[in-house]
Amino acid sequence: MPILHNIRLFFTCLSIAANGLFAGGIFTFPLLAPALALHLKLTQPQLTTIVLLGMMGQYPFAALIGKVIDGYGPWACSLTASVLFSAGFSVFAAEIAKTTDDIIAPSKTSFRVLAACFFLLGLGTASSYFSSLFAASRAFPQYLGAASGASLALFGLSPLFLSLLASRYFTSPSTGLDVTRFLFFLAFTSGIVHLAGAFVLNFPESQYQVSSTSESASSTVASSDDEECSIDESQPLLANEVLQSNVQVTSINEGGSILQLFKDPHFWLLALISLIILGSCEMIISNIGTIVLSLYPKSASGTRVLSPYVETATATQVRLISISNTLSRLLSGPLVDLISPVTSHLPRNSPQRYHISRVVLLSWVPLLLAGTYVYQELAIRTPDDLWILSVTTGAAYGTTFTILPSIVSSIWGSRDFGRNFGILTYAPFLGTPLFSYLYAFVSAHNNVGGGICTGITCWSLTFWVCTGTSLLSYGASILLWQQWKGLV
């Protein structure tokens, strides 16, 4: 039985890894944008709308995806991702292939089709993300931080992995990236990988609810530990800590309704923190190309020719974001488990369940972002200096998404974990367009002579606003830490 368990666990890990690596197709849009602008004659606002719909498509049905996870399991979301990826990438590629090179103006129909496809691909990305995250959490319930961090690290690595495949197998020195072939490749591989996940991740939840500690312990010690750690499921998991810390906290019991969740003011504080951090980070991720171009001066004639230097600088920033995003997920998960263990897996009479609160760890993220935004305003004047912004953005983005699931599970319970976390992800759904359109309007207002805006005035006001909201997020996190002291 242990052998079968380990074999099944191995294939589960393999499927989680494959789903994560092939989930980030929408983040390769910077590779596609030049061909779309040249071949389909799409304007910059149209390109921005397409990528923004892909980013926002990850969030509208997050709560529904969470309910599917809770009711059916990760396999259902993997199957959904398979269908959406296959259909979305195939139609996207076909729309590009059927467009002739001699068109003068962009086709409104093509633009709408591409935008709709990218929205569906964003929804597929969310389904894949949830299938990997919750499969890992159920497979390793004792190590939620490490499990979440590892699965999300692979998700963060996906853009780098797919861009390397595009450069290695679908790019030629003379013609550049073959966008159509690359997109058909993504349609096939992403569909097959997630279809396999629909079979592999279809496992009984109880199969993985085995503690490695109790497996290695003797039967006498195990029975003693069971008596010591037994918890009545009808009682709040953190009841003892509430009494010991004398902190007034609005607790949501296992199985609580959505209305109960919405009545908890602390949930809205956590949502505000998520909106600011993730919204500003996704704004930078989506617009890093134009930020690079804003620091690249026009020629004497007033025009800008995209040199290999500019293209290389943009690609470098994209890779830095992906790498720092991945490393932050890999490192922050085990680090959080080490210094702030999940309360439900420690003895109830333990005198100290954590060394540092997870909320304190989360509070460092907006503080780091605020400092980086100020540095952006005062010191960054060339594309080579942007590495600080890219690395910080990727690290903040990855760390936040790694810490949030364990906070939600610890405070509001694991029974409706998928639903609650899904609702929380509506925060960046609102934050991303807010910060993105702030950036777009500020850039358009300061753009002189048409084309792409040049100079620090293109984004100066945007980053000052981001600095202020990041400090607001830091204050909200400190307030949460005071209210949840001793709980998480």
Protein backbone atom coordinates (compact mmCIF):
# COMPACT_ATOMS: atom_id res chain seq x y z
CA MET A 1 0.00 0.00 0.00
CA PRO A 2 2.74 2.53 0.79
CA ILE A 3 4.38 1.63 -2.57
CA LEU A 4 1.17 2.35 -4.48
CA HIS A 5 0.75 5.53 -2.49
CA ASN A 6 4.25 6.70 -3.40
CA ILE A 7 3.78 5.82 -7.08
CA ARG A 8 0.54 7.76 -7.19
CA LEU A 9 2.19 10.65 -5.37
CA PHE A 10 5.02 10.66 -7.92
CA PHE A 11 2.65 10.94 -10.87
CA THR A 12 0.65 13.58 -9.02
CA CYS A 13 3.80 15.68 -8.58
CA LEU A 14 4.70 15.13 -12.23
CA SER A 15 1.26 16.28 -13.37
CA ILE A 16 1.36 19.33 -11.08
CA ALA A 17 4.74 20.29 -12.52
CA ALA A 18 3.60 19.82 -16.14
CA ASN A 19 0.42 21.82 -15.58
CA GLY A 20 2.43 24.65 -14.03
CA LEU A 21 5.02 24.81 -16.82
CA PHE A 22 2.41 24.90 -19.60
CA ALA A 23 -0.01 27.28 -17.85
CA GLY A 24 1.64 30.62 -18.65
CA GLY A 25 1.02 30.96 -22.37
CA ILE A 26 -0.66 34.34 -21.99
CA PHE A 27 2.50 35.75 -20.43
CA THR A 28 4.42 35.17 -23.69
CA PHE A 29 2.39 37.99 -25.28
CA PRO A 30 5.46 40.29 -25.53
CA LEU A 31 6.86 37.73 -28.00
CA LEU A 32 3.68 37.88 -30.07
CA ALA A 33 3.03 41.64 -30.01
CA PRO A 34 5.54 42.69 -32.73
CA ALA A 35 4.10 40.20 -35.20
CA LEU A 36 0.54 41.23 -34.37
CA ALA A 37 1.40 44.89 -34.91
CA LEU A 38 3.21 44.18 -38.20
CA HIS A 39 1.00 41.49 -39.68
CA LEU A 40 -2.45 42.50 -38.42
CA LYS A 41 -1.67 46.25 -38.17
CA LEU A 42 -3.02 46.36 -34.62
CA THR A 43 -2.53 49.62 -32.75
CA GLN A 44 -0.92 49.92 -29.31
CA PRO A 45 -4.29 50.47 -27.56
CA GLN A 46 -5.62 47.32 -29.22
CA LEU A 47 -2.57 45.31 -28.18
CA THR A 48 -2.93 46.62 -24.63
CA THR A 49 -6.60 45.68 -24.55
CA ILE A 50 -5.86 42.13 -25.70
CA VAL A 51 -3.19 41.47 -23.08
CA LEU A 52 -5.25 43.15 -20.35
CA LEU A 53 -8.24 40.92 -21.14
CA GLY A 54 -5.92 37.93 -20.80
CA MET A 55 -4.72 39.13 -17.41
CA MET A 56 -8.24 39.96 -16.23
CA GLY A 57 -9.64 36.72 -17.59
CA GLN A 58 -7.88 34.91 -14.77
CA TYR A 59 -10.16 36.38 -12.11
CA PRO A 60 -13.93 36.69 -12.91
CA PHE A 61 -14.72 33.03 -12.31
CA ALA A 62 -12.15 32.43 -9.57
CA ALA A 63 -14.80 31.82 -6.91
CA LEU A 64 -16.66 29.41 -9.20
CA ILE A 65 -13.39 27.59 -9.95
CA GLY A 66 -12.79 27.38 -6.20
CA LYS A 67 -16.22 25.82 -5.70
CA VAL A 68 -15.46 23.29 -8.44
CA ILE A 69 -12.22 22.44 -6.63
CA ASP A 70 -14.06 22.02 -3.33
CA GLY A 71 -16.85 19.93 -4.86
CA TYR A 72 -15.08 17.82 -7.48
CA GLY A 73 -11.34 18.17 -7.05
CA PRO A 74 -8.37 19.50 -9.06
CA TRP A 75 -9.01 17.11 -11.96
CA ALA A 76 -12.11 19.06 -13.06
CA CYS A 77 -10.17 22.32 -13.35
CA SER A 78 -7.37 20.59 -15.25
CA LEU A 79 -9.93 19.28 -17.74
CA THR A 80 -11.43 22.76 -18.10
CA ALA A 81 -7.97 24.24 -18.72
CA SER A 82 -7.33 21.61 -21.39
CA VAL A 83 -10.43 22.63 -23.36
CA LEU A 84 -9.85 26.37 -22.99
CA PHE A 85 -6.16 26.24 -23.93
CA SER A 86 -6.76 24.05 -26.98
CA ALA A 87 -9.63 26.17 -28.25
CA GLY A 88 -8.13 29.57 -27.37
CA PHE A 89 -4.68 29.08 -28.87
CA SER A 90 -6.04 27.30 -31.95
CA VAL A 91 -8.53 30.04 -32.83
CA PHE A 92 -5.94 32.73 -32.06
CA ALA A 93 -3.44 31.07 -34.42
CA ALA A 94 -6.05 30.49 -37.13
CA GLU A 95 -7.12 34.14 -37.04
CA ILE A 96 -3.52 35.25 -37.60
CA ALA A 97 -2.93 32.68 -40.34
CA LYS A 98 -5.95 33.69 -42.40
CA THR A 99 -5.04 37.40 -42.40
CA THR A 100 -3.13 38.56 -45.48
CA ASP A 101 -0.03 40.75 -45.28
CA ASP A 102 -1.42 43.43 -47.60
CA ILE A 103 -4.09 44.81 -45.28
CA ILE A 104 -3.85 48.55 -44.62
CA ALA A 105 -5.96 48.95 -41.47
CA PRO A 106 -6.62 46.55 -38.61
CA SER A 107 -9.74 44.42 -38.85
CA LYS A 108 -12.20 45.06 -36.05
CA THR A 109 -13.42 41.48 -36.35
CA SER A 110 -9.91 40.07 -35.96
CA PHE A 111 -9.28 42.33 -32.99
CA ARG A 112 -12.47 41.16 -31.26
CA VAL A 113 -11.71 37.50 -31.96
CA LEU A 114 -8.18 37.81 -30.60
CA ALA A 115 -9.41 39.69 -27.54
CA ALA A 116 -12.08 37.05 -26.84
CA CYS A 117 -9.52 34.27 -27.27
CA PHE A 118 -7.14 35.89 -24.82
CA PHE A 119 -9.92 36.29 -22.27
CA LEU A 120 -10.66 32.55 -22.55
CA LEU A 121 -6.94 31.81 -22.26
CA GLY A 122 -6.87 33.88 -19.07
CA LEU A 123 -9.72 31.77 -17.72
CA GLY A 124 -7.82 28.64 -18.70
CA THR A 125 -4.75 29.97 -16.89
CA ALA A 126 -6.78 30.42 -13.70
CA SER A 127 -8.18 26.87 -14.00
CA SER A 128 -4.69 25.45 -14.47
CA TYR A 129 -3.33 27.57 -11.61
CA PHE A 130 -6.02 26.35 -9.22
CA SER A 131 -5.65 22.71 -10.26
CA SER A 132 -1.89 22.76 -9.53
CA LEU A 133 -2.16 24.77 -6.32
CA PHE A 134 -4.89 22.72 -4.68
CA ALA A 135 -3.58 19.37 -5.87
CA ALA A 136 -0.25 20.23 -4.21
CA SER A 137 -1.99 21.43 -1.04
CA ARG A 138 -4.05 18.23 -0.76
CA ALA A 139 -1.09 16.01 -1.53
CA PHE A 140 1.07 17.65 1.16
CA PRO A 141 -1.28 19.07 3.82
CA GLN A 142 1.48 19.21 6.43
CA TYR A 143 3.59 21.55 4.32
CA LEU A 144 1.15 24.04 2.83
CA GLY A 145 3.75 26.75 2.37
CA ALA A 146 6.27 24.52 0.60
CA ALA A 147 3.57 22.82 -1.48
CA SER A 148 2.06 26.14 -2.53
CA GLY A 149 5.46 27.67 -3.16
CA ALA A 150 6.70 24.79 -5.32
CA SER A 151 3.57 24.60 -7.49
CA LEU A 152 3.38 28.37 -7.88
CA ALA A 153 7.12 28.54 -8.63
CA LEU A 154 6.58 26.27 -11.62
CA PHE A 155 3.71 28.49 -12.69
CA GLY A 156 5.98 31.53 -12.40
CA LEU A 157 8.66 29.72 -14.40
CA SER A 158 6.24 28.99 -17.24
CA PRO A 159 6.83 32.22 -19.25
CA LEU A 160 10.58 31.67 -19.18
CA PHE A 161 10.18 27.98 -20.13
CA LEU A 162 7.80 28.70 -23.01
CA SER A 163 9.88 31.64 -24.29
CA LEU A 164 12.93 29.39 -24.41
CA LEU A 165 10.96 26.83 -26.43
CA ALA A 166 9.84 29.62 -28.78
CA SER A 167 13.41 30.84 -29.27
CA ARG A 168 14.85 27.37 -29.71
CA TYR A 169 12.32 25.70 -32.00
CA PHE A 170 10.11 28.37 -33.58
CA THR A 171 12.47 31.26 -34.32
CA SER A 172 14.77 31.73 -37.31
CA PRO A 173 17.41 34.47 -37.73
CA SER A 174 15.86 35.70 -40.98
CA THR A 175 12.12 35.71 -40.24
CA GLY A 176 11.98 35.78 -36.44
CA LEU A 177 9.31 33.98 -34.46
CA ASP A 178 6.81 31.87 -36.40
CA VAL A 179 3.84 32.98 -34.33
CA THR A 180 1.28 30.70 -35.98
CA ARG A 181 3.31 27.50 -35.49
CA PHE A 182 4.18 28.47 -31.92
CA LEU A 183 0.52 29.08 -31.03
CA PHE A 184 -0.60 25.79 -32.58
CA PHE A 185 2.14 24.10 -30.57
CA LEU A 186 0.80 25.70 -27.37
CA ALA A 187 -2.74 24.59 -28.27
CA PHE A 188 -1.63 20.98 -28.66
CA THR A 189 0.82 20.61 -25.77
CA SER A 190 -1.18 22.61 -23.23
CA GLY A 191 -4.30 20.67 -24.12
CA ILE A 192 -2.62 17.25 -23.83
CA VAL A 193 -0.78 18.07 -20.60
CA HIS A 194 -3.92 19.28 -18.83
CA LEU A 195 -6.00 16.44 -20.23
CA ALA A 196 -3.52 14.02 -18.64
CA GLY A 197 -3.86 16.01 -15.41
CA ALA A 198 -7.62 15.40 -15.49
CA PHE A 199 -6.90 11.68 -15.05
CA VAL A 200 -3.87 11.82 -12.76
CA LEU A 201 -5.26 14.41 -10.33
CA ASN A 202 -8.53 12.50 -9.89
CA PHE A 203 -7.66 10.97 -6.54
CA PRO A 204 -9.57 10.44 -3.27
CA GLU A 205 -8.82 13.33 -0.96
CA SER A 206 -8.32 11.00 1.98
CA GLN A 207 -5.50 9.22 0.16
CA TYR A 208 -3.10 12.06 0.87
CA GLN A 209 -4.22 12.99 4.35
CA VAL A 210 -1.42 10.94 5.92
CA SER A 211 1.19 12.58 8.08
CA SER A 212 4.73 11.49 7.40
CA THR A 213 5.43 11.84 11.09
CA SER A 214 2.71 9.44 12.14
CA GLU A 215 3.84 6.96 9.46
CA SER A 216 7.31 6.77 10.93
CA ALA A 217 6.26 6.81 14.57
CA SER A 218 5.40 3.71 16.56
CA SER A 219 1.79 2.80 17.15
CA THR A 220 2.01 3.79 20.81
CA VAL A 221 3.35 7.24 20.07
CA ALA A 222 0.92 7.67 17.19
CA SER A 223 -2.10 6.90 19.33
CA SER A 224 -0.82 9.27 22.00
CA ASP A 225 -0.37 12.01 19.44
CA ASP A 226 -3.84 11.39 18.03
CA GLU A 227 -5.38 11.89 21.47
CA GLU A 228 -3.28 14.99 22.04
CA CYS A 229 -4.02 16.59 18.67
CA SER A 230 -7.62 15.52 18.14
CA ILE A 231 -9.90 18.39 17.18
CA ASP A 232 -13.64 18.49 17.04
CA GLU A 233 -14.51 19.54 13.50
CA SER A 234 -17.50 21.48 14.75
CA GLN A 235 -15.21 23.78 16.74
CA PRO A 236 -13.00 26.58 15.36
CA LEU A 237 -9.49 25.27 14.73
CA LEU A 238 -7.97 28.24 16.52
CA ALA A 239 -10.25 28.50 19.54
CA ASN A 240 -7.49 28.04 22.12
CA GLU A 241 -5.40 30.79 20.63
CA VAL A 242 -8.33 33.22 20.63
CA LEU A 243 -8.77 32.68 24.35
CA GLN A 244 -5.07 32.87 25.13
CA SER A 245 -4.38 36.03 23.15
CA ASN A 246 -7.56 37.85 24.28
CA VAL A 247 -7.88 39.36 20.79
CA GLN A 248 -11.31 40.12 19.36
CA VAL A 249 -11.37 38.40 15.97
CA THR A 250 -14.38 37.74 13.76
CA SER A 251 -13.92 34.02 13.10
CA ILE A 252 -15.47 32.16 10.17
CA ASN A 253 -16.07 28.52 11.07
CA GLU A 254 -15.70 25.61 8.70
CA GLY A 255 -18.56 25.63 6.22
CA GLY A 256 -19.41 29.30 6.81
CA SER A 257 -21.46 31.04 4.14
CA ILE A 258 -20.18 33.69 1.75
CA LEU A 259 -22.29 36.24 3.65
CA GLN A 260 -20.42 35.40 6.86
CA LEU A 261 -17.14 35.87 5.04
CA PHE A 262 -18.22 39.26 3.70
CA LYS A 263 -19.25 40.38 7.19
CA ASP A 264 -15.69 39.91 8.43
CA PRO A 265 -13.93 43.31 8.13
CA HIS A 266 -10.56 41.58 8.26
CA PHE A 267 -11.34 39.84 4.98
CA TRP A 268 -11.79 43.22 3.32
CA LEU A 269 -8.49 44.44 4.73
CA LEU A 270 -6.75 41.39 3.27
CA ALA A 271 -8.54 42.02 -0.04
CA LEU A 272 -7.33 45.65 -0.05
CA ILE A 273 -3.75 44.51 0.54
CA SER A 274 -4.05 42.01 -2.32
CA LEU A 275 -5.62 44.59 -4.64
CA ILE A 276 -2.78 47.07 -4.15
CA ILE A 277 0.15 44.66 -4.24
CA LEU A 278 -1.02 42.41 -7.08
CA GLY A 279 -2.68 45.18 -9.07
CA SER A 280 0.42 47.37 -9.17
CA CYS A 281 2.67 44.38 -9.91
CA GLU A 282 0.53 43.21 -12.82
CA MET A 283 0.48 46.76 -14.17
CA ILE A 284 4.28 46.68 -14.33
CA ILE A 285 4.37 43.16 -15.78
CA SER A 286 1.96 44.16 -18.56
CA ASN A 287 3.70 47.46 -19.39
CA ILE A 288 7.38 46.74 -18.80
CA GLY A 289 7.99 47.01 -22.54
CA THR A 290 6.71 50.58 -22.81
CA ILE A 291 8.51 51.52 -19.59
CA VAL A 292 11.74 50.41 -21.26
CA LEU A 293 10.87 52.41 -24.39
CA SER A 294 10.06 55.51 -22.35
CA LEU A 295 13.69 55.58 -21.20
CA TYR A 296 15.02 55.12 -24.73
CA PRO A 297 15.37 58.56 -26.43
CA LYS A 298 14.03 59.30 -29.87
CA SER A 299 16.36 60.04 -32.73
CA ALA A 300 17.12 63.55 -33.92
CA SER A 301 14.32 63.27 -36.48
CA GLY A 302 11.81 62.57 -33.73
CA THR A 303 11.27 58.93 -34.64
CA ARG A 304 12.16 55.78 -32.80
CA VAL A 305 13.55 52.74 -34.55
CA LEU A 306 13.51 49.62 -32.42
CA SER A 307 17.13 48.55 -32.33
CA PRO A 308 18.36 45.14 -31.17
CA TYR A 309 19.48 46.88 -27.97
CA VAL A 310 15.91 47.92 -27.14
CA GLU A 311 14.51 44.48 -27.94
CA THR A 312 17.20 42.85 -25.82
CA ALA A 313 16.56 45.26 -22.94
CA THR A 314 12.83 44.46 -23.00
CA ALA A 315 13.42 40.71 -23.14
CA THR A 316 15.87 41.00 -20.25
CA GLN A 317 13.31 42.70 -18.02
CA VAL A 318 10.68 40.07 -18.86
CA ARG A 319 13.09 37.29 -17.92
CA LEU A 320 14.14 39.04 -14.72
CA ILE A 321 10.49 39.28 -13.65
CA SER A 322 9.92 35.61 -14.42
CA ILE A 323 13.07 34.42 -12.64
CA SER A 324 12.54 36.53 -9.51
CA ASN A 325 8.88 35.49 -9.45
CA THR A 326 9.91 31.83 -9.58
CA LEU A 327 12.70 32.07 -7.03
CA SER A 328 10.52 34.00 -4.59
CA ARG A 329 7.88 31.26 -4.71
CA LEU A 330 10.48 28.54 -4.23
CA LEU A 331 12.15 30.28 -1.30
CA SER A 332 9.23 31.93 0.47
CA GLY A 333 7.17 28.72 0.77
CA PRO A 334 9.72 26.69 2.80
CA LEU A 335 10.80 29.84 4.67
CA VAL A 336 7.23 30.53 5.78
CA ASP A 337 6.75 26.91 6.87
CA LEU A 338 9.99 27.08 8.87
CA ILE A 339 9.39 30.29 10.80
CA SER A 340 5.59 30.24 10.81
CA PRO A 341 4.20 26.66 10.80
CA VAL A 342 0.57 26.03 9.88
CA THR A 343 -1.32 25.99 13.17
CA SER A 344 -3.54 23.02 12.37
CA HIS A 345 -0.53 20.68 12.15
CA LEU A 346 0.94 21.48 15.56
CA PRO A 347 -0.15 20.20 18.97
CA ARG A 348 -2.89 22.30 20.49
CA ASN A 349 -0.98 22.61 23.77
CA SER A 350 2.16 23.83 22.02
CA PRO A 351 3.44 26.91 23.91
CA GLN A 352 4.50 28.61 20.67
CA ARG A 353 3.05 27.76 17.27
CA TYR A 354 5.10 30.17 15.22
CA HIS A 355 8.12 32.42 15.48
CA ILE A 356 6.96 35.18 13.12
CA SER A 357 3.41 35.80 11.97
CA ARG A 358 2.69 35.20 8.27
CA VAL A 359 0.97 38.57 8.18
CA VAL A 360 4.21 40.23 9.30
CA LEU A 361 6.02 38.49 6.46
CA LEU A 362 3.34 39.72 4.06
CA SER A 363 3.69 43.29 5.39
CA TRP A 364 7.27 43.50 4.15
CA VAL A 365 6.08 43.19 0.55
CA PRO A 366 4.28 46.56 0.20
CA LEU A 367 7.07 48.25 2.17
CA LEU A 368 9.64 46.87 -0.30
CA LEU A 369 7.48 47.96 -3.23
CA ALA A 370 7.10 51.48 -1.84
CA GLY A 371 10.88 51.81 -1.53
CA THR A 372 11.38 50.53 -5.07
CA TYR A 373 8.81 52.94 -6.49
CA VAL A 374 10.54 55.87 -4.81
CA TYR A 375 13.86 54.68 -6.24
CA GLN A 376 12.19 54.45 -9.65
CA GLU A 377 11.17 58.08 -9.37
CA LEU A 378 14.49 59.42 -8.13
CA ALA A 379 17.22 57.31 -9.68
CA ILE A 380 16.14 55.18 -12.66
CA ARG A 381 16.89 57.01 -15.90
CA THR A 382 18.09 54.30 -18.34
CA PRO A 383 16.75 50.87 -19.34
CA ASP A 384 19.78 49.24 -17.72
CA ASP A 385 18.64 50.55 -14.33
CA LEU A 386 15.23 48.90 -14.54
CA TRP A 387 16.48 45.57 -13.24
CA ILE A 388 15.72 46.73 -9.70
CA LEU A 389 12.07 47.38 -10.57
CA SER A 390 11.76 44.06 -12.44
CA VAL A 391 13.35 41.93 -9.73
CA THR A 392 11.32 43.56 -6.94
CA THR A 393 8.07 43.26 -8.90
CA GLY A 394 8.59 39.56 -9.60
CA ALA A 395 9.61 38.86 -6.01
CA ALA A 396 6.65 40.77 -4.53
CA TYR A 397 4.21 39.11 -6.91
CA GLY A 398 5.45 35.59 -6.21
CA THR A 399 5.78 36.01 -2.45
CA THR A 400 2.27 37.41 -2.07
CA PHE A 401 0.66 34.58 -4.01
CA THR A 402 2.64 32.06 -1.94
CA ILE A 403 1.71 33.45 1.48
CA LEU A 404 -1.97 34.28 0.84
CA PRO A 405 -3.31 30.69 0.54
CA SER A 406 -1.97 29.63 3.93
CA ILE A 407 -3.36 32.77 5.59
CA VAL A 408 -6.83 32.13 4.12
CA SER A 409 -6.75 28.47 5.15
CA SER A 410 -5.56 29.20 8.69
CA ILE A 411 -8.10 31.97 9.40
CA TRP A 412 -11.25 30.78 7.62
CA GLY A 413 -10.65 27.02 7.56
CA SER A 414 -9.88 24.49 4.86
CA ARG A 415 -13.36 23.19 4.05
CA ASP A 416 -14.19 26.17 1.81
CA PHE A 417 -10.58 27.07 1.14
CA GLY A 418 -11.02 27.03 -2.64
CA ARG A 419 -14.09 29.26 -2.55
CA ASN A 420 -12.60 31.74 -0.09
CA PHE A 421 -9.29 32.01 -1.90
CA GLY A 422 -11.15 32.32 -5.21
CA ILE A 423 -13.16 35.25 -3.86
CA LEU A 424 -9.97 36.90 -2.62
CA THR A 425 -8.47 36.74 -6.12
CA TYR A 426 -11.16 39.15 -7.29
CA ALA A 427 -8.97 41.82 -5.68
CA PRO A 428 -6.34 41.84 -8.45
CA PHE A 429 -9.17 41.55 -10.99
CA LEU A 430 -10.13 45.04 -9.88
CA GLY A 431 -6.64 46.28 -9.07
CA THR A 432 -4.99 45.37 -12.38
CA PRO A 433 -7.24 47.52 -14.63
CA LEU A 434 -7.20 50.36 -12.09
CA PHE A 435 -3.41 50.61 -12.07
CA SER A 436 -3.07 49.72 -15.78
CA TYR A 437 -5.45 52.41 -16.97
CA LEU A 438 -3.88 54.90 -14.55
CA TYR A 439 -0.57 54.17 -16.28
CA ALA A 440 -2.19 54.41 -19.74
CA PHE A 441 -3.95 57.73 -19.09
CA VAL A 442 -0.90 59.33 -17.48
CA SER A 443 1.25 58.18 -20.39
CA ALA A 444 -1.26 59.45 -22.98
CA HIS A 445 -1.57 62.81 -21.20
CA ASN A 446 2.20 63.34 -21.28
CA ASN A 447 2.73 61.99 -24.80
CA VAL A 448 3.83 64.72 -27.21
CA GLY A 449 3.98 64.07 -30.94
CA GLY A 450 2.23 60.68 -31.02
CA GLY A 451 3.74 57.22 -30.91
CA ILE A 452 5.10 55.86 -27.64
CA CYS A 453 5.54 58.29 -24.77
CA THR A 454 9.14 59.21 -23.92
CA GLY A 455 10.57 60.45 -20.64
CA ILE A 456 9.97 59.91 -16.95
CA THR A 457 6.84 62.05 -17.07
CA CYS A 458 5.17 59.11 -18.84
CA TRP A 459 4.97 57.21 -15.56
CA SER A 460 6.08 59.58 -12.79
CA LEU A 461 2.60 60.28 -11.42
CA THR A 462 1.70 56.59 -11.70
CA PHE A 463 4.58 55.47 -9.50
CA TRP A 464 3.95 58.20 -6.93
CA VAL A 465 0.37 56.92 -6.66
CA CYS A 466 1.73 53.37 -6.36
CA THR A 467 4.03 54.53 -3.57
CA GLY A 468 1.15 56.01 -1.59
CA THR A 469 -1.12 52.98 -2.05
CA SER A 470 1.73 50.62 -1.09
CA LEU A 471 2.18 52.49 2.19
CA LEU A 472 -1.60 52.24 2.72
CA SER A 473 -1.33 48.48 2.15
CA TYR A 474 1.51 48.30 4.67
CA GLY A 475 -0.64 50.05 7.27
CA ALA A 476 -3.51 47.63 6.62
CA SER A 477 -1.19 44.64 7.05
CA ILE A 478 0.05 45.97 10.40
CA LEU A 479 -3.55 46.35 11.54
CA LEU A 480 -4.29 42.75 10.52
CA TRP A 481 -1.23 41.53 12.37
CA GLN A 482 -2.44 43.22 15.55
CA GLN A 483 -5.92 41.70 15.19
CA TRP A 484 -4.69 38.20 14.29
CA LYS A 485 -1.79 38.07 16.75
CA GLY A 486 -1.48 34.49 17.95
CA LEU A 487 -3.66 33.08 15.16
CA VAL A 488 -1.56 32.95 12.02
